[in-house]
């Protein structure tokens, strides 16, 4: 994939969800999946060489989302990402500490 140079290349909408405990109509606490926020992203797909090298490793079914560094809410590892109706758990968050332009979020598909 070419290096991301502009935010204009972010053309995929993704959502960040978090499980929260809320009271139901009976007053009991239940876990609910709550949308925290959504943002635009670029998706970095693995090349065939990378995919073959990752077979049998932790990175086998991973996808990388590149988003703007500055977001409304802090992204944490207990969140999930939803893209095109598919849910992904967050494995690693890599912020751009030097330039503070883009952040990469490495996720694994939830089965």
N, C-alpha and C. Protein backbone atom coordinates (compact mmCIF):
# COMPACT_ATOMS: atom_id res chain seq x y z
N UNK A 1 0.83 -1.17 0.00
CA UNK A 1 0.00 0.00 0.00
C UNK A 1 0.87 1.23 0.00
N UNK A 2 0.46 2.25 -0.75
CA UNK A 2 1.21 3.49 -0.74
C UNK A 2 1.07 4.17 0.61
N UNK A 3 2.03 4.99 0.92
CA UNK A 3 2.01 5.72 2.18
C UNK A 3 0.83 6.68 2.19
N UNK A 4 0.11 6.72 3.32
CA UNK A 4 -1.01 7.63 3.46
C UNK A 4 -0.48 9.04 3.64
N UNK A 5 -0.85 9.95 2.75
CA UNK A 5 -0.32 11.30 2.83
C UNK A 5 -1.39 12.34 3.10
N UNK A 6 -2.65 12.05 2.81
CA UNK A 6 -3.71 13.02 3.04
C UNK A 6 -4.91 12.35 3.68
N UNK A 7 -5.67 13.14 4.40
CA UNK A 7 -6.89 12.62 5.01
C UNK A 7 -7.94 12.33 3.95
N UNK A 8 -7.78 12.87 2.74
CA UNK A 8 -8.71 12.61 1.66
C UNK A 8 -8.74 11.17 1.21
N UNK A 9 -7.72 10.39 1.57
CA UNK A 9 -7.69 8.97 1.22
C UNK A 9 -8.53 8.14 2.19
N UNK A 10 -9.03 8.75 3.24
CA UNK A 10 -9.86 8.04 4.21
C UNK A 10 -11.30 8.04 3.69
N UNK A 11 -11.72 6.91 3.12
CA UNK A 11 -13.03 6.86 2.51
C UNK A 11 -13.90 5.72 3.02
N UNK A 12 -13.52 5.10 4.13
CA UNK A 12 -14.28 4.01 4.73
C UNK A 12 -14.77 4.45 6.11
N UNK A 13 -16.06 4.27 6.38
CA UNK A 13 -16.62 4.65 7.68
C UNK A 13 -16.52 3.46 8.62
N UNK A 14 -15.97 3.67 9.82
CA UNK A 14 -15.89 2.62 10.83
C UNK A 14 -16.51 3.13 12.12
N UNK A 15 -16.94 2.20 12.96
CA UNK A 15 -17.56 2.55 14.24
C UNK A 15 -16.80 1.88 15.37
N UNK A 16 -16.68 2.60 16.48
CA UNK A 16 -16.07 2.04 17.68
C UNK A 16 -17.18 1.79 18.70
N UNK A 17 -17.26 0.55 19.19
CA UNK A 17 -18.30 0.14 20.14
C UNK A 17 -17.64 -0.29 21.45
N UNK A 18 -18.43 -0.20 22.52
CA UNK A 18 -17.96 -0.63 23.83
C UNK A 18 -19.12 -1.31 24.55
N UNK A 19 -18.83 -2.35 25.30
CA UNK A 19 -19.85 -3.04 26.09
C UNK A 19 -19.98 -2.32 27.42
N UNK A 20 -21.22 -1.92 27.73
CA UNK A 20 -21.49 -1.23 29.00
C UNK A 20 -22.62 -1.95 29.72
N UNK A 21 -22.60 -1.87 31.05
CA UNK A 21 -23.67 -2.44 31.86
C UNK A 21 -24.72 -1.36 32.08
N UNK A 22 -25.97 -1.69 31.71
CA UNK A 22 -27.08 -0.76 31.88
C UNK A 22 -28.24 -1.51 32.50
N UNK A 23 -29.12 -0.77 33.14
CA UNK A 23 -30.30 -1.37 33.74
C UNK A 23 -31.36 -1.59 32.67
N UNK A 24 -31.98 -2.78 32.71
CA UNK A 24 -33.08 -3.03 31.80
C UNK A 24 -34.39 -2.59 32.43
N UNK A 25 -35.50 -2.89 31.79
CA UNK A 25 -36.80 -2.44 32.29
C UNK A 25 -37.18 -3.10 33.61
N UNK A 26 -36.52 -4.20 33.96
CA UNK A 26 -36.78 -4.88 35.23
C UNK A 26 -35.83 -4.42 36.34
N UNK A 27 -34.93 -3.50 36.03
CA UNK A 27 -33.99 -2.99 37.02
C UNK A 27 -32.74 -3.82 37.20
N UNK A 28 -32.57 -4.83 36.35
CA UNK A 28 -31.37 -5.67 36.43
C UNK A 28 -30.33 -5.17 35.45
N UNK A 29 -29.06 -5.36 35.81
CA UNK A 29 -27.98 -4.92 34.93
C UNK A 29 -27.76 -5.95 33.82
N UNK A 30 -27.70 -5.45 32.60
CA UNK A 30 -27.40 -6.29 31.44
C UNK A 30 -26.30 -5.61 30.64
N UNK A 31 -25.52 -6.41 29.93
CA UNK A 31 -24.46 -5.85 29.09
C UNK A 31 -25.03 -5.50 27.73
N UNK A 32 -24.75 -4.27 27.28
CA UNK A 32 -25.22 -3.80 25.99
C UNK A 32 -24.05 -3.26 25.19
N UNK A 33 -24.09 -3.51 23.89
CA UNK A 33 -23.09 -2.97 22.98
C UNK A 33 -23.51 -1.55 22.62
N UNK A 34 -22.66 -0.57 22.94
CA UNK A 34 -23.00 0.83 22.75
C UNK A 34 -22.03 1.46 21.76
N UNK A 35 -22.58 2.19 20.80
CA UNK A 35 -21.75 2.94 19.85
C UNK A 35 -21.11 4.11 20.57
N UNK A 36 -19.78 4.18 20.55
CA UNK A 36 -19.06 5.28 21.19
C UNK A 36 -18.90 6.44 20.20
N UNK A 37 -18.36 6.15 19.02
CA UNK A 37 -18.23 7.14 17.96
C UNK A 37 -17.90 6.46 16.65
N UNK A 38 -18.02 7.20 15.56
CA UNK A 38 -17.62 6.69 14.26
C UNK A 38 -16.67 7.69 13.63
N UNK A 39 -15.87 7.22 12.68
CA UNK A 39 -14.91 8.10 12.02
C UNK A 39 -14.56 7.54 10.65
N UNK A 40 -13.84 8.31 9.88
CA UNK A 40 -13.37 7.89 8.56
C UNK A 40 -12.02 7.21 8.70
N UNK A 41 -11.79 6.22 7.85
CA UNK A 41 -10.55 5.44 7.93
C UNK A 41 -10.10 4.99 6.54
N UNK A 42 -8.84 4.65 6.47
CA UNK A 42 -8.28 3.95 5.33
C UNK A 42 -7.97 2.54 5.82
N UNK A 43 -8.21 1.56 4.98
CA UNK A 43 -7.95 0.19 5.37
C UNK A 43 -6.70 -0.30 4.66
N UNK A 44 -5.75 -0.76 5.45
CA UNK A 44 -4.52 -1.31 4.88
C UNK A 44 -4.69 -2.81 4.81
N UNK A 45 -4.75 -3.32 3.60
CA UNK A 45 -4.88 -4.76 3.40
C UNK A 45 -3.50 -5.38 3.28
N UNK A 46 -3.42 -6.64 3.63
CA UNK A 46 -2.14 -7.35 3.56
C UNK A 46 -1.87 -7.78 2.13
N UNK A 47 -0.64 -7.63 1.72
CA UNK A 47 -0.22 -8.17 0.43
C UNK A 47 -0.15 -9.69 0.56
N UNK A 48 -0.16 -10.39 -0.56
CA UNK A 48 -0.11 -11.85 -0.55
C UNK A 48 1.10 -12.36 0.21
N UNK A 49 2.24 -11.72 0.02
CA UNK A 49 3.47 -12.14 0.71
C UNK A 49 3.29 -12.04 2.22
N UNK A 50 2.68 -10.95 2.69
CA UNK A 50 2.45 -10.77 4.12
C UNK A 50 1.44 -11.79 4.64
N UNK A 51 0.37 -12.01 3.87
CA UNK A 51 -0.65 -12.96 4.29
C UNK A 51 -0.07 -14.36 4.43
N UNK A 52 0.77 -14.76 3.48
CA UNK A 52 1.40 -16.09 3.55
C UNK A 52 2.36 -16.18 4.73
N UNK A 53 3.08 -15.11 5.01
CA UNK A 53 4.02 -15.11 6.14
C UNK A 53 3.30 -15.15 7.48
N UNK A 54 2.06 -14.65 7.52
CA UNK A 54 1.32 -14.57 8.78
C UNK A 54 0.48 -15.81 9.07
N UNK A 55 0.45 -16.77 8.16
CA UNK A 55 -0.35 -17.98 8.40
C UNK A 55 0.19 -18.70 9.63
N UNK A 56 -0.72 -19.01 10.54
CA UNK A 56 -0.35 -19.70 11.77
C UNK A 56 0.17 -18.78 12.86
N UNK A 57 0.20 -17.48 12.61
CA UNK A 57 0.65 -16.53 13.63
C UNK A 57 -0.53 -15.75 14.16
N UNK A 58 -0.26 -14.93 15.13
CA UNK A 58 -1.29 -14.08 15.73
C UNK A 58 -1.85 -13.07 14.72
N UNK A 59 -1.10 -12.74 13.71
CA UNK A 59 -1.51 -11.73 12.73
C UNK A 59 -2.25 -12.31 11.53
N UNK A 60 -2.65 -13.58 11.60
CA UNK A 60 -3.24 -14.24 10.44
C UNK A 60 -4.51 -13.56 9.95
N UNK A 61 -5.46 -13.27 10.80
CA UNK A 61 -6.74 -12.69 10.38
C UNK A 61 -6.86 -11.24 10.81
N UNK A 62 -5.80 -10.47 10.64
CA UNK A 62 -5.83 -9.08 11.09
C UNK A 62 -6.10 -8.12 9.94
N UNK A 63 -6.59 -6.96 10.32
CA UNK A 63 -6.84 -5.87 9.39
C UNK A 63 -6.36 -4.59 10.09
N UNK A 64 -5.81 -3.67 9.33
CA UNK A 64 -5.30 -2.43 9.91
C UNK A 64 -6.13 -1.25 9.42
N UNK A 65 -6.67 -0.50 10.38
CA UNK A 65 -7.41 0.71 10.07
C UNK A 65 -6.51 1.91 10.38
N UNK A 66 -6.43 2.84 9.45
CA UNK A 66 -5.66 4.06 9.68
C UNK A 66 -6.66 5.20 9.81
N UNK A 67 -6.60 5.89 10.96
CA UNK A 67 -7.54 6.97 11.25
C UNK A 67 -6.76 8.22 11.66
N UNK A 68 -7.46 9.34 11.75
CA UNK A 68 -6.81 10.56 12.24
C UNK A 68 -6.39 10.36 13.70
N UNK A 69 -5.28 10.97 14.07
CA UNK A 69 -4.78 10.85 15.43
C UNK A 69 -5.74 11.49 16.43
N UNK A 70 -6.24 12.66 16.09
CA UNK A 70 -7.13 13.40 16.99
C UNK A 70 -8.56 12.90 16.81
N UNK A 71 -9.14 12.33 17.86
CA UNK A 71 -10.51 11.82 17.84
C UNK A 71 -11.30 12.40 19.00
N UNK A 72 -12.61 12.32 18.93
CA UNK A 72 -13.48 12.84 19.99
C UNK A 72 -13.28 12.09 21.30
N UNK A 73 -13.05 10.78 21.19
CA UNK A 73 -12.92 9.93 22.36
C UNK A 73 -11.62 9.14 22.28
N UNK A 74 -11.11 8.76 23.43
CA UNK A 74 -9.91 7.95 23.48
C UNK A 74 -10.25 6.51 23.08
N UNK A 75 -9.44 5.93 22.25
CA UNK A 75 -9.64 4.55 21.81
C UNK A 75 -8.90 3.63 22.78
N UNK A 76 -9.60 2.61 23.25
CA UNK A 76 -9.01 1.66 24.19
C UNK A 76 -9.15 0.23 23.65
N UNK A 77 -8.36 -0.68 24.20
CA UNK A 77 -8.35 -2.06 23.73
C UNK A 77 -9.63 -2.83 24.05
N UNK A 78 -10.45 -2.32 24.96
CA UNK A 78 -11.70 -3.03 25.27
C UNK A 78 -12.84 -2.66 24.32
N UNK A 79 -12.56 -1.83 23.34
CA UNK A 79 -13.55 -1.48 22.32
C UNK A 79 -13.49 -2.48 21.17
N UNK A 80 -14.53 -2.47 20.36
CA UNK A 80 -14.54 -3.24 19.12
C UNK A 80 -14.78 -2.28 17.96
N UNK A 81 -14.37 -2.69 16.77
CA UNK A 81 -14.55 -1.89 15.57
C UNK A 81 -15.54 -2.61 14.67
N UNK A 82 -16.49 -1.87 14.12
CA UNK A 82 -17.44 -2.44 13.17
C UNK A 82 -17.22 -1.76 11.83
N UNK A 83 -17.02 -2.58 10.80
CA UNK A 83 -16.82 -2.09 9.43
C UNK A 83 -17.58 -3.01 8.48
N UNK A 84 -18.45 -2.44 7.68
CA UNK A 84 -19.26 -3.21 6.73
C UNK A 84 -20.00 -4.37 7.39
N UNK A 85 -20.52 -4.14 8.59
CA UNK A 85 -21.28 -5.16 9.29
C UNK A 85 -20.46 -6.25 9.96
N UNK A 86 -19.14 -6.16 9.88
CA UNK A 86 -18.26 -7.14 10.51
C UNK A 86 -17.63 -6.53 11.75
N UNK A 87 -17.50 -7.33 12.79
CA UNK A 87 -16.96 -6.87 14.06
C UNK A 87 -15.52 -7.33 14.23
N UNK A 88 -14.67 -6.44 14.73
CA UNK A 88 -13.26 -6.72 14.94
C UNK A 88 -12.88 -6.32 16.36
N UNK A 89 -12.08 -7.15 17.02
CA UNK A 89 -11.55 -6.76 18.33
C UNK A 89 -10.20 -6.07 18.11
N UNK A 90 -9.92 -5.10 18.94
CA UNK A 90 -8.69 -4.33 18.81
C UNK A 90 -7.55 -5.09 19.46
N UNK A 91 -6.50 -5.32 18.67
CA UNK A 91 -5.30 -6.01 19.17
C UNK A 91 -4.27 -4.99 19.64
N UNK A 92 -4.07 -3.96 18.82
CA UNK A 92 -3.02 -2.98 19.13
C UNK A 92 -3.41 -1.62 18.58
N UNK A 93 -3.06 -0.58 19.31
CA UNK A 93 -3.28 0.80 18.90
C UNK A 93 -1.91 1.47 18.81
N UNK A 94 -1.59 2.00 17.63
CA UNK A 94 -0.29 2.64 17.42
C UNK A 94 -0.49 4.12 17.11
N UNK A 95 -0.36 4.97 18.12
CA UNK A 95 -0.50 6.41 17.87
C UNK A 95 0.76 6.98 17.22
N UNK A 96 0.58 8.07 16.50
CA UNK A 96 1.70 8.79 15.88
C UNK A 96 2.16 9.84 16.89
N UNK A 97 3.09 9.48 17.75
CA UNK A 97 3.52 10.37 18.82
C UNK A 97 4.34 11.55 18.34
N UNK A 98 4.98 11.41 17.20
CA UNK A 98 5.84 12.49 16.71
C UNK A 98 5.04 13.56 15.95
N UNK A 99 4.32 13.15 14.91
CA UNK A 99 3.61 14.11 14.07
C UNK A 99 2.15 14.32 14.47
N UNK A 100 1.58 13.37 15.21
CA UNK A 100 0.19 13.42 15.65
C UNK A 100 -0.77 13.62 14.48
N UNK A 101 -0.50 12.89 13.38
CA UNK A 101 -1.37 12.98 12.20
C UNK A 101 -2.32 11.80 12.11
N UNK A 102 -1.76 10.58 12.08
CA UNK A 102 -2.56 9.39 11.88
C UNK A 102 -2.26 8.35 12.94
N UNK A 103 -3.24 7.49 13.20
CA UNK A 103 -3.10 6.42 14.17
C UNK A 103 -3.49 5.12 13.47
N UNK A 104 -2.77 4.05 13.75
CA UNK A 104 -3.14 2.76 13.20
C UNK A 104 -3.77 1.91 14.30
N UNK A 105 -4.85 1.24 13.94
CA UNK A 105 -5.55 0.36 14.86
C UNK A 105 -5.56 -1.02 14.21
N UNK A 106 -4.83 -1.95 14.82
CA UNK A 106 -4.73 -3.31 14.30
C UNK A 106 -5.80 -4.15 14.97
N UNK A 107 -6.62 -4.80 14.14
CA UNK A 107 -7.78 -5.55 14.66
C UNK A 107 -7.80 -6.96 14.10
N UNK A 108 -8.54 -7.81 14.82
CA UNK A 108 -8.73 -9.19 14.41
C UNK A 108 -10.23 -9.45 14.32
N UNK A 109 -10.65 -10.14 13.27
CA UNK A 109 -12.07 -10.41 13.06
C UNK A 109 -12.61 -11.31 14.17
N UNK A 110 -13.77 -10.95 14.70
CA UNK A 110 -14.43 -11.74 15.73
C UNK A 110 -15.34 -12.73 15.03
N UNK A 111 -15.21 -14.00 15.38
CA UNK A 111 -16.03 -15.02 14.70
C UNK A 111 -17.36 -15.23 15.36
